[in-house]
C-alpha atoms as a PDB file:
ATOM      1  CA  MET A   1       2.535  -9.371  -2.726  1.00  0.00           C
ATOM      2  CA  LEU A   2       5.480  -7.000  -2.698  1.00  0.00           C
ATOM      3  CA  LEU A   3       4.853  -6.092  -6.323  1.00  0.00           C
ATOM      4  CA  HIS A   4       1.170  -5.453  -5.639  1.00  0.00           C
ATOM      5  CA  SER A   5       1.895  -3.109  -2.743  1.00  0.00           C
ATOM      6  CA  LEU A   6       4.555  -1.335  -4.824  1.00  0.00           C
ATOM      7  CA  ILE A   7       2.117  -0.758  -7.684  1.00  0.00           C
ATOM      8  CA  ILE A   8      -0.562   0.481  -5.288  1.00  0.00           C
ATOM      9  CA  GLY A   9       1.955   2.847  -3.671  1.00  0.00           C
ATOM     10  CA  VAL A  10       3.019   4.314  -7.017  1.00  0.00           C
ATOM     11  CA  VAL A  11      -0.589   4.766  -8.147  1.00  0.00           C
ATOM     12  CA  LEU A  12      -1.483   6.439  -4.849  1.00  0.00           C
ATOM     13  CA  TYR A  13       1.529   8.747  -5.141  1.00  0.00           C
ATOM     14  CA  MET A  14       0.559   9.825  -8.649  1.00  0.00           C
ATOM     15  CA  LEU A  15      -3.046  10.402  -7.583  1.00  0.00           C
ATOM     16  CA  MET A  16      -1.975  12.493  -4.610  1.00  0.00           C
ATOM     17  CA  VAL A  17       0.450  14.627  -6.617  1.00  0.00           C
ATOM     18  CA  PHE A  18      -1.402  15.114  -9.893  1.00  0.00           C
ATOM     19  CA  VAL A  19      -5.081  14.843  -8.940  1.00  0.00           C
ATOM     20  CA  PHE A  20      -5.180  16.080  -5.355  1.00  0.00           C
ATOM     21  CA  LYS A  21      -2.258  18.560  -5.829  1.00  0.00           C
ATOM     22  CA  GLN A  22      -0.500  17.570  -2.609  1.00  0.00           C
ATOM     23  CA  ASN A  23       3.080  18.422  -1.754  1.00  0.00           C
ATOM     24  CA  GLN A  24       5.422  15.811  -3.273  1.00  0.00           C
ATOM     25  CA  GLN A  25       7.124  14.955   0.004  1.00  0.00           C
ATOM     26  CA  MET A  26       3.818  14.552   1.838  1.00  0.00           C
ATOM     27  CA  ALA A  27       2.396  12.422  -0.979  1.00  0.00           C
ATOM     28  CA  GLU A  28       5.523  10.261  -0.921  1.00  0.00           C
ATOM     29  CA  ASN A  29       5.312   9.728   2.839  1.00  0.00           C
ATOM     30  CA  ARG A  30       1.603   8.915   2.739  1.00  0.00           C
ATOM     31  CA  SER A  31       1.871   6.535  -0.202  1.00  0.00           C
ATOM     32  CA  ILE A  32       4.797   4.683   1.427  1.00  0.00           C
ATOM     33  CA  LEU A  33       2.843   4.387   4.678  1.00  0.00           C
ATOM     34  CA  ILE A  34      -0.296   3.067   2.966  1.00  0.00           C
ATOM     35  CA  ALA A  35       1.675   0.671   0.742  1.00  0.00           C
ATOM     36  CA  SER A  36       3.590  -0.721   3.733  1.00  0.00           C
ATOM     37  CA  ILE A  37       0.357  -1.251   5.687  1.00  0.00           C
ATOM     38  CA  LEU A  38      -1.103  -3.064   2.675  1.00  0.00           C
ATOM     39  CA  LEU A  39       2.013  -5.233   2.394  1.00  0.00           C
ATOM     40  CA  ILE A  40       1.749  -6.231   6.060  1.00  0.00           C
ATOM     41  CA  TYR A  41      -1.948  -6.992   5.558  1.00  0.00           C
ATOM     42  CA  MET A  42      -1.257  -9.139   2.488  1.00  0.00           C
ATOM     43  CA  ILE A  43       1.522 -11.032   4.291  1.00  0.00           C
ATOM     44  CA  LEU A  44      -0.738 -11.773   7.264  1.00  0.00           C
ATOM     45  CA  PHE A  45      -4.032 -12.511   5.520  1.00  0.00           C
ATOM     46  CA  GLY A  46      -3.287 -12.922   1.808  1.00  0.00           C
ATOM     47  CA  HIS A  47      -5.379 -11.128  -0.785  1.00  0.00           C
ATOM     48  CA  GLY A  48      -8.744 -12.009   0.731  1.00  0.00           C
ATOM     49  CA  LEU A  49     -10.681 -10.880   3.747  1.00  0.00           C
ATOM     50  CA  PRO A  50      -9.105 -11.627   7.141  1.00  0.00           C
ATOM     51  CA  THR A  51     -10.805 -14.919   7.987  1.00  0.00           C
ATOM     52  CA  LYS A  52      -7.621 -16.563   9.280  1.00  0.00           C
ATOM     53  CA  ILE A  53      -3.943 -15.666   9.663  1.00  0.00           C
ATOM     54  CA  ASN A  54      -1.443 -17.061   7.170  1.00  0.00           C
ATOM     55  CA  LYS A  55      -0.086 -20.351   8.570  1.00  0.00           C
ATOM     56  CA  ASP A  56       3.225 -20.028   6.703  1.00  0.00           C
ATOM     57  CA  LEU A  57       4.508 -17.301   9.041  1.00  0.00           C
END
């Protein structure tokens, strides 16, 4: 899960910098925020839709 959120964060950063031409610092902050939210989501619910909370917490 950590690796998935890291990959998503890096891809988002590259999209924001090279495609959307955002400031590097702003793109870094936004990609870290989105990747951390995704990591929390994946820890709580797994990779699927949120039907139930992970029982291993």
